[in-house]
Amino acid sequence: MDQTALSAAVAKFSAKFCNELEKNKSVVSSPLSAEFVLALLTLGATEPTLTEILKALGIKNEKLIRGSFSKVTSKLKSLKGITLDVANKVYIMEGKYDLKPELKKDAIEVFDAELEKIDFKKSTDAAKRINSWVEEKTNNKIKDLLPPDCFDALTRLVLVNALYFKGTWKTQFSLKNTTKLPFHINAATTVDVPMMYQEEKFYYKESSDLNAQLLAMPYVGDEARMLIVLPKEVEGLDALLTKLAQGHNIMNDINKMSYIKVHVTIPKFKIETEIDLNDLLPKLGIKQIFNKEYSGLTKILNEEEPLYVSKAIQKAFIEVNEEGAEAAAATAAQTRTRRSLSPPSVVFLADRPALWCLLVHGVVAFTARYQPPPPTAPAPRDEL
């Protein structure tokens, strides 16, 4: 599976993932973080689970999982100019339990995963150790990923993936240009939010299929970009996400972007989201791993015990400001557009809900939708 095909598969999975997140509010997620955990589970799965996960990921077989994710892991670790920490860890119940030799080899060689034995019966201690590791790997952005009640004497395995990104814009926004401007939450409501502005050359394209503008702003090092897909309609984001989830290949749009001068106005924001993957993954067709009777996860442990995923959770964080962006995620299983008068300069005014994608080497690492809450009505005054 070449880089182009993998990028397209990750982008499509990301769109389907985002399409299932709660609407009409700000959310951030890392579908890529979830994919790392799912890919490792795939290598320990038999039918029908194997086909179920492969279909959801858009990858044909286990061999392609190994090739694709080993490439992604090595590429993400060799980035210049930005910080992107990718960490995978497998916690195994102490005592007689271990990963089967084939899966242990894959965990280490494909996913660069650490392995650690832990006593899940001591649930508070287990949660503390795992959460401390996640906190460390995400620069203290993701705290308390797993509660102690996730673990008990029957817990055998916990897979954790942590992603942390920090990048500085290649061309930073000036603080003096940041001002409060109206943001359209929907067609009827606006709220004033801090908006950053600059006029500079960026990667830009208009997509008639998506009825949207696309803007990509590079970070220092030119190996990561923030892609903003801005619907032309104020309430156009849901329809845009649906088109992407149904198969529109956004990588084709990205590859056809022009490097031109753009008047850019975008919000600065900070979002943190917790996602219950037990609820979300079945909507993507991944159901069998949660089946207590038969999960299909038969090639994971050396002991012949029935395994299933009891808890799967993701917490994600992103901050976008004048200097750049900072994002973290951890997954565990268990206004109208108008042209400038002087082309080719264009106006990109992100004053409505849009899709934000952090691209690293062309792979979608994080996604977000920014939609602040409506303004609060003033409290009624007492009658005199």
Protein backbone atom coordinates (compact mmCIF):
# COMPACT_ATOMS: atom_id res chain seq x y z
CA MET A 1 0.00 0.00 0.00
CA ASP A 2 1.70 3.19 -1.13
CA GLN A 3 1.70 6.49 0.74
CA THR A 4 -1.04 8.00 -1.47
CA ALA A 5 -3.43 5.09 -0.91
CA LEU A 6 -2.72 5.03 2.83
CA SER A 7 -3.27 8.81 3.15
CA ALA A 8 -6.60 8.46 1.31
CA ALA A 9 -7.67 5.55 3.57
CA VAL A 10 -6.74 7.45 6.76
CA ALA A 11 -8.54 10.59 5.48
CA LYS A 12 -11.71 8.62 4.73
CA PHE A 13 -11.65 6.86 8.12
CA SER A 14 -11.09 10.27 9.76
CA ALA A 15 -14.11 11.73 7.96
CA LYS A 16 -16.33 8.80 8.99
CA PHE A 17 -15.01 9.09 12.56
CA CYS A 18 -15.70 12.87 12.71
CA ASN A 19 -19.13 12.41 11.15
CA GLU A 20 -20.18 10.38 14.20
CA LEU A 21 -19.01 12.90 16.78
CA GLU A 22 -21.49 15.12 18.60
CA LYS A 23 -22.83 17.84 16.32
CA ASN A 24 -23.28 21.57 17.02
CA LYS A 25 -20.35 21.87 19.40
CA SER A 26 -16.56 22.10 19.34
CA VAL A 27 -14.88 18.69 19.19
CA VAL A 28 -11.37 17.43 18.57
CA SER A 29 -10.29 13.89 17.85
CA SER A 30 -7.40 11.86 16.56
CA PRO A 31 -8.79 9.12 14.32
CA LEU A 32 -5.14 8.20 13.64
CA SER A 33 -4.64 7.51 17.34
CA ALA A 34 -7.65 5.18 17.28
CA GLU A 35 -6.31 3.53 14.12
CA PHE A 36 -3.04 2.55 15.81
CA VAL A 37 -4.94 0.66 18.50
CA LEU A 38 -7.36 -0.90 16.02
CA ALA A 39 -4.52 -1.93 13.70
CA LEU A 40 -2.77 -3.77 16.53
CA LEU A 41 -6.03 -5.51 17.46
CA THR A 42 -6.43 -6.50 13.80
CA LEU A 43 -3.19 -8.46 13.90
CA GLY A 44 -4.59 -10.48 16.81
CA ALA A 45 -8.03 -11.07 15.29
CA THR A 46 -9.76 -13.87 13.41
CA GLU A 47 -13.00 -13.79 11.44
CA PRO A 48 -15.44 -12.09 11.41
CA THR A 49 -13.59 -9.46 13.45
CA LEU A 50 -10.64 -9.31 11.09
CA THR A 51 -12.73 -8.36 8.06
CA GLU A 52 -14.83 -5.96 10.13
CA ILE A 53 -11.86 -3.86 11.25
CA LEU A 54 -10.01 -4.03 7.91
CA LYS A 55 -13.14 -2.81 6.10
CA ALA A 56 -13.57 0.10 8.53
CA LEU A 57 -9.90 1.08 8.15
CA GLY A 58 -10.03 0.75 4.37
CA ILE A 59 -7.04 -1.60 4.32
CA LYS A 60 -7.24 -4.93 2.48
CA ASN A 61 -5.25 -7.34 4.65
CA GLU A 62 -2.90 -7.85 7.57
CA LYS A 63 0.21 -7.66 5.41
CA LEU A 64 -0.77 -4.12 4.37
CA ILE A 65 -1.43 -3.25 8.03
CA ARG A 66 2.14 -4.22 8.87
CA GLY A 67 3.67 -2.36 5.93
CA SER A 68 1.53 0.75 6.25
CA PHE A 69 1.78 1.34 9.96
CA SER A 70 5.50 0.62 10.19
CA LYS A 71 5.99 3.35 7.53
CA VAL A 72 3.70 5.76 9.36
CA THR A 73 5.47 5.13 12.67
CA SER A 74 8.94 5.74 11.22
CA LYS A 75 7.85 8.83 9.26
CA LEU A 76 6.17 10.43 12.25
CA LYS A 77 9.30 9.91 14.31
CA SER A 78 11.61 11.62 11.78
CA LEU A 79 9.86 14.97 11.42
CA LYS A 80 11.82 18.22 11.26
CA GLY A 81 10.84 21.58 12.73
CA ILE A 82 7.93 20.34 14.86
CA THR A 83 7.35 18.06 17.82
CA LEU A 84 5.24 14.98 17.21
CA ASP A 85 5.47 12.25 19.78
CA VAL A 86 3.82 8.94 18.92
CA ALA A 87 3.80 6.41 21.73
CA ASN A 88 2.21 2.96 21.87
CA LYS A 89 2.15 0.76 24.91
CA VAL A 90 0.71 -2.64 25.74
CA TYR A 91 -0.07 -3.36 29.39
CA ILE A 92 -0.43 -7.08 30.16
CA MET A 93 -1.74 -8.73 33.32
CA GLU A 94 1.22 -9.87 35.37
CA GLY A 95 1.89 -13.54 36.02
CA LYS A 96 1.50 -16.19 33.34
CA TYR A 97 0.09 -13.85 30.69
CA ASP A 98 1.97 -12.61 27.65
CA LEU A 99 1.34 -11.68 24.04
CA LYS A 100 1.57 -14.48 21.52
CA PRO A 101 5.05 -14.41 19.93
CA GLU A 102 3.79 -13.26 16.50
CA LEU A 103 1.82 -10.37 17.96
CA LYS A 104 4.63 -9.40 20.32
CA LYS A 105 6.95 -9.17 17.31
CA ASP A 106 4.41 -6.99 15.46
CA ALA A 107 3.82 -4.76 18.48
CA ILE A 108 7.52 -4.02 18.78
CA GLU A 109 8.57 -3.94 15.12
CA VAL A 110 5.48 -2.41 13.46
CA PHE A 111 4.15 -0.14 16.18
CA ASP A 112 7.35 0.49 18.17
CA ALA A 113 5.29 -0.38 21.25
CA GLU A 114 6.54 -0.76 24.80
CA LEU A 115 5.35 -3.79 26.79
CA GLU A 116 4.77 -3.74 30.53
CA LYS A 117 3.34 -6.22 33.04
CA ILE A 118 0.87 -4.77 35.54
CA ASP A 119 -1.46 -6.06 38.25
CA PHE A 120 -4.93 -4.94 37.18
CA LYS A 121 -6.42 -6.26 40.43
CA LYS A 122 -4.81 -3.21 42.08
CA SER A 123 -7.08 -0.97 40.00
CA THR A 124 -6.15 2.39 41.52
CA ASP A 125 -2.45 1.73 41.10
CA ALA A 126 -2.96 0.43 37.54
CA ALA A 127 -4.91 3.55 36.55
CA LYS A 128 -2.29 5.79 38.12
CA ARG A 129 0.59 4.12 36.28
CA ILE A 130 -1.14 4.13 32.89
CA ASN A 131 -2.45 7.68 33.24
CA SER A 132 0.98 8.97 34.33
CA TRP A 133 2.53 7.45 31.21
CA VAL A 134 -0.11 9.09 28.97
CA GLU A 135 0.34 12.43 30.75
CA GLU A 136 4.09 12.30 30.23
CA LYS A 137 3.78 11.40 26.53
CA THR A 138 1.27 14.21 25.83
CA ASN A 139 3.17 17.00 27.62
CA ASN A 140 0.63 16.94 30.48
CA LYS A 141 -2.27 17.74 28.13
CA ILE A 142 -4.18 14.46 28.56
CA LYS A 143 -4.89 13.64 32.18
CA ASP A 144 -6.90 10.82 33.79
CA LEU A 145 -7.47 8.87 30.57
CA LEU A 146 -8.69 5.75 32.35
CA PRO A 147 -10.61 5.60 35.65
CA PRO A 148 -9.72 2.88 38.20
CA ASP A 149 -13.07 1.14 37.70
CA CYS A 150 -11.90 0.13 34.19
CA PHE A 151 -9.77 -2.57 35.77
CA ASP A 152 -10.40 -5.65 37.86
CA ALA A 153 -9.13 -9.19 38.31
CA LEU A 154 -10.51 -10.17 34.88
CA THR A 155 -8.63 -7.44 32.97
CA ARG A 156 -5.93 -9.04 30.85
CA LEU A 157 -4.75 -6.38 28.43
CA VAL A 158 -4.80 -2.61 27.88
CA LEU A 159 -3.60 -1.04 24.61
CA VAL A 160 -2.76 2.64 24.77
CA ASN A 161 -1.73 5.04 22.03
CA ALA A 162 -0.68 8.62 22.75
CA LEU A 163 -0.07 11.36 20.17
CA TYR A 164 1.30 14.81 20.92
CA PHE A 165 1.91 17.59 18.40
CA LYS A 166 3.36 21.08 18.79
CA GLY A 167 4.19 23.21 15.79
CA THR A 168 5.02 26.84 15.05
CA TRP A 169 3.48 28.46 11.98
CA LYS A 170 6.01 29.02 9.23
CA THR A 171 4.43 32.51 9.06
CA GLN A 172 3.10 33.47 12.47
CA PHE A 173 0.09 35.68 13.13
CA SER A 174 0.75 39.04 14.79
CA LEU A 175 -0.93 39.50 18.17
CA LYS A 176 -1.85 43.08 17.25
CA ASN A 177 -4.01 41.78 14.39
CA THR A 178 -6.14 39.59 16.68
CA THR A 179 -9.54 41.09 17.40
CA LYS A 180 -13.01 39.94 18.39
CA LEU A 181 -15.30 39.41 15.40
CA PRO A 182 -18.70 37.77 14.88
CA PHE A 183 -18.64 34.00 14.37
CA HIS A 184 -21.74 32.39 12.83
CA ILE A 185 -22.74 29.45 15.02
CA ASN A 186 -25.69 28.92 12.69
CA ALA A 187 -27.68 30.97 10.19
CA ALA A 188 -29.48 32.85 12.96
CA THR A 189 -26.86 33.26 15.70
CA THR A 190 -23.44 34.87 16.01
CA VAL A 191 -21.03 35.17 18.92
CA ASP A 192 -17.93 37.34 19.14
CA VAL A 193 -14.69 35.33 19.29
CA PRO A 194 -10.96 36.22 18.99
CA MET A 195 -10.00 36.09 15.30
CA MET A 196 -6.42 36.17 13.98
CA TYR A 197 -5.50 37.81 10.66
CA GLN A 198 -2.64 37.82 8.19
CA GLU A 199 -2.07 38.29 4.46
CA GLU A 200 0.47 35.80 3.13
CA LYS A 201 1.05 33.09 0.54
CA PHE A 202 -0.56 29.78 1.48
CA TYR A 203 -1.83 26.65 -0.25
CA TYR A 204 -5.41 27.27 -1.42
CA LYS A 205 -8.15 25.67 -3.50
CA GLU A 206 -11.89 25.91 -4.00
CA SER A 207 -13.85 22.68 -4.29
CA SER A 208 -17.17 22.77 -6.13
CA ASP A 209 -17.88 19.16 -5.10
CA LEU A 210 -17.56 20.04 -1.42
CA ASN A 211 -18.91 23.60 -1.90
CA ALA A 212 -15.97 24.75 0.21
CA GLN A 213 -12.70 26.63 0.35
CA LEU A 214 -9.55 24.74 1.35
CA LEU A 215 -6.59 26.45 3.00
CA ALA A 216 -3.36 24.74 4.13
CA MET A 217 -0.93 26.64 6.34
CA PRO A 218 2.52 25.07 6.83
CA TYR A 219 4.45 24.78 10.06
CA VAL A 220 8.18 25.34 10.44
CA GLY A 221 9.98 22.53 8.63
CA ASP A 222 7.31 22.19 5.93
CA GLU A 223 6.47 18.61 6.99
CA ALA A 224 3.17 19.43 8.68
CA ARG A 225 0.25 21.63 7.66
CA MET A 226 -3.05 22.73 9.12
CA LEU A 227 -5.77 22.15 6.53
CA ILE A 228 -9.02 24.07 7.01
CA VAL A 229 -12.01 22.98 4.93
CA LEU A 230 -14.46 25.88 5.11
CA PRO A 231 -18.02 25.35 3.83
CA LYS A 232 -19.37 28.25 1.78
CA GLU A 233 -22.70 27.88 3.58
CA VAL A 234 -22.91 28.82 7.26
CA GLU A 235 -24.59 25.50 8.08
CA GLY A 236 -22.72 23.47 5.47
CA LEU A 237 -20.32 21.46 7.63
CA ASP A 238 -22.54 18.43 8.24
CA ALA A 239 -23.18 17.97 4.51
CA LEU A 240 -19.45 18.37 3.83
CA LEU A 241 -18.53 15.72 6.40
CA THR A 242 -21.14 13.37 4.94
CA LYS A 243 -19.61 13.74 1.45
CA LEU A 244 -16.16 12.99 2.83
CA ALA A 245 -17.44 9.97 4.78
CA GLN A 246 -19.15 8.66 1.64
CA GLY A 247 -15.87 8.60 -0.22
CA HIS A 248 -14.91 12.03 -1.62
CA ASN A 249 -11.11 11.81 -1.76
CA ILE A 250 -9.90 15.02 -0.17
CA MET A 251 -6.28 14.05 -0.90
CA ASN A 252 -6.99 14.81 -4.58
CA ASP A 253 -8.03 18.34 -3.59
CA ILE A 254 -4.95 18.74 -1.41
CA ASN A 255 -2.64 17.67 -4.24
CA LYS A 256 -4.15 20.33 -6.56
CA MET A 257 -3.81 23.31 -4.20
CA SER A 258 -2.16 26.50 -5.52
CA TYR A 259 0.41 28.53 -3.59
CA ILE A 260 -1.10 32.02 -3.70
CA LYS A 261 -1.60 35.11 -1.55
CA VAL A 262 -4.59 34.80 0.78
CA HIS A 263 -6.21 37.19 3.26
CA VAL A 264 -6.66 34.79 6.17
CA THR A 265 -8.94 35.35 9.16
CA ILE A 266 -9.29 32.36 11.48
CA PRO A 267 -10.35 31.89 15.11
CA LYS A 268 -7.94 31.10 17.91
CA PHE A 269 -9.29 28.37 20.13
CA LYS A 270 -8.67 25.54 22.54
CA ILE A 271 -10.73 22.34 22.56
CA GLU A 272 -10.65 19.23 24.72
CA THR A 273 -12.90 16.23 24.04
CA GLU A 274 -13.52 12.82 25.54
CA ILE A 275 -14.93 10.19 23.18
CA ASP A 276 -16.57 6.91 24.18
CA LEU A 277 -15.31 4.52 21.51
CA ASN A 278 -17.59 1.77 22.82
CA ASP A 279 -20.38 3.90 21.37
CA LEU A 280 -18.62 5.33 18.29
CA LEU A 281 -16.78 2.35 16.79
CA PRO A 282 -19.91 0.20 16.25
CA LYS A 283 -21.30 3.07 14.13
CA LEU A 284 -18.27 2.56 11.88
CA GLY A 285 -18.99 -1.16 11.63
CA ILE A 286 -16.58 -2.30 14.36
CA LYS A 287 -18.82 -4.29 16.70
CA GLN A 288 -17.43 -7.77 17.24
CA ILE A 289 -14.51 -6.74 19.49
CA PHE A 290 -17.06 -5.77 22.18
CA ASN A 291 -18.90 -9.12 22.05
CA LYS A 292 -18.46 -10.95 25.34
CA GLU A 293 -19.51 -14.29 23.85
CA TYR A 294 -17.06 -14.21 20.94
CA SER A 295 -14.92 -11.18 20.08
CA GLY A 296 -12.66 -12.83 17.51
CA LEU A 297 -9.59 -11.58 19.42
CA THR A 298 -8.11 -15.08 19.57
CA LYS A 299 -4.51 -14.43 18.50
CA ILE A 300 -3.51 -11.99 21.23
CA LEU A 301 -2.67 -13.81 24.46
CA ASN A 302 -0.63 -16.93 25.03
CA GLU A 303 -3.37 -18.21 27.36
CA GLU A 304 -6.54 -19.61 25.80
CA GLU A 305 -9.01 -17.29 27.49
CA PRO A 306 -11.97 -15.51 25.88
CA LEU A 307 -11.02 -11.84 25.41
CA TYR A 308 -13.19 -8.88 24.48
CA VAL A 309 -12.84 -5.08 24.59
CA SER A 310 -14.67 -3.88 27.69
CA LYS A 311 -13.67 -0.21 27.50
CA ALA A 312 -12.38 1.95 24.66
CA ILE A 313 -11.88 5.66 25.19
CA GLN A 314 -10.11 8.61 23.60
CA LYS A 315 -9.26 12.01 25.02
CA ALA A 316 -7.98 14.67 22.66
CA PHE A 317 -6.79 18.27 23.00
CA ILE A 318 -5.92 21.01 20.51
CA GLU A 319 -4.94 24.66 20.81
CA VAL A 320 -4.58 26.99 17.81
CA ASN A 321 -3.12 30.45 18.40
CA GLU A 322 -0.89 33.12 16.84
CA GLU A 323 2.29 31.10 17.27
CA GLY A 324 1.00 27.80 15.94
CA ALA A 325 -0.84 24.75 17.20
CA GLU A 326 -0.54 22.25 19.98
CA ALA A 327 -2.50 19.01 19.98
CA ALA A 328 -2.58 15.81 21.95
CA ALA A 329 -4.63 12.64 21.96
CA ALA A 330 -4.63 9.36 23.73
CA THR A 331 -6.67 6.32 22.85
CA ALA A 332 -7.07 3.28 24.99
CA ALA A 333 -8.96 0.10 24.22
CA GLN A 334 -10.25 -1.77 26.69
CA THR A 335 -19.22 34.69 6.37
CA ARG A 336 -19.49 34.32 2.59
CA THR A 337 -16.45 33.98 0.41
CA ARG A 338 -15.52 36.95 -1.72
CA ARG A 339 -12.64 37.49 -4.09
CA SER A 340 -10.18 40.33 -3.62
CA LEU A 341 -10.16 43.07 -6.22
CA SER A 342 -6.61 42.12 -7.12
CA PRO A 343 -6.37 38.43 -8.05
CA PRO A 344 -4.82 36.02 -7.31
CA SER A 345 -5.21 37.19 -3.70
CA VAL A 346 -8.32 35.63 -2.14
CA VAL A 347 -10.24 36.05 1.09
CA PHE A 348 -10.49 33.16 3.53
CA LEU A 349 -12.76 34.17 6.40
CA ALA A 350 -13.35 31.25 8.76
CA ASP A 351 -16.30 32.76 10.60
CA ARG A 352 -18.44 29.61 10.61
CA PRO A 353 -17.99 25.96 11.63
CA ALA A 354 -15.28 24.29 9.55
CA LEU A 355 -13.26 21.09 9.50
CA TRP A 356 -9.69 21.50 10.77
CA CYS A 357 -7.21 18.75 9.90
CA LEU A 358 -3.61 18.48 11.03
CA LEU A 359 -1.68 16.85 8.18
CA VAL A 360 1.70 15.30 8.88
CA HIS A 361 3.48 13.95 5.80
CA GLY A 362 0.07 13.97 4.13
CA VAL A 363 -1.51 11.81 6.86
CA VAL A 364 -4.41 13.20 8.92
CA ALA A 365 -3.22 13.11 12.54
CA PHE A 366 -5.88 15.26 14.25
CA THR A 367 -9.26 16.67 13.25
CA ALA A 368 -11.40 19.34 14.90
CA ARG A 369 -14.55 21.34 14.40
CA TYR A 370 -14.72 24.70 16.15
CA GLN A 371 -18.21 25.80 17.11
CA PRO A 372 -18.37 27.98 20.24
CA PRO A 373 -21.49 27.91 22.40
CA PRO A 374 -24.18 30.53 21.72
CA PRO A 375 -23.99 33.78 23.68
CA THR A 376 -25.60 33.58 27.07
CA ALA A 377 -28.65 35.73 27.57
CA PRO A 378 -28.30 38.42 30.23
CA ALA A 379 -29.97 37.56 33.51
CA PRO A 380 -33.44 39.13 33.88
CA ARG A 381 -33.46 42.24 36.02
CA ASP A 382 -35.73 42.41 39.02
CA GLU A 383 -38.76 44.62 38.61
CA LEU A 384 -38.66 47.75 40.72
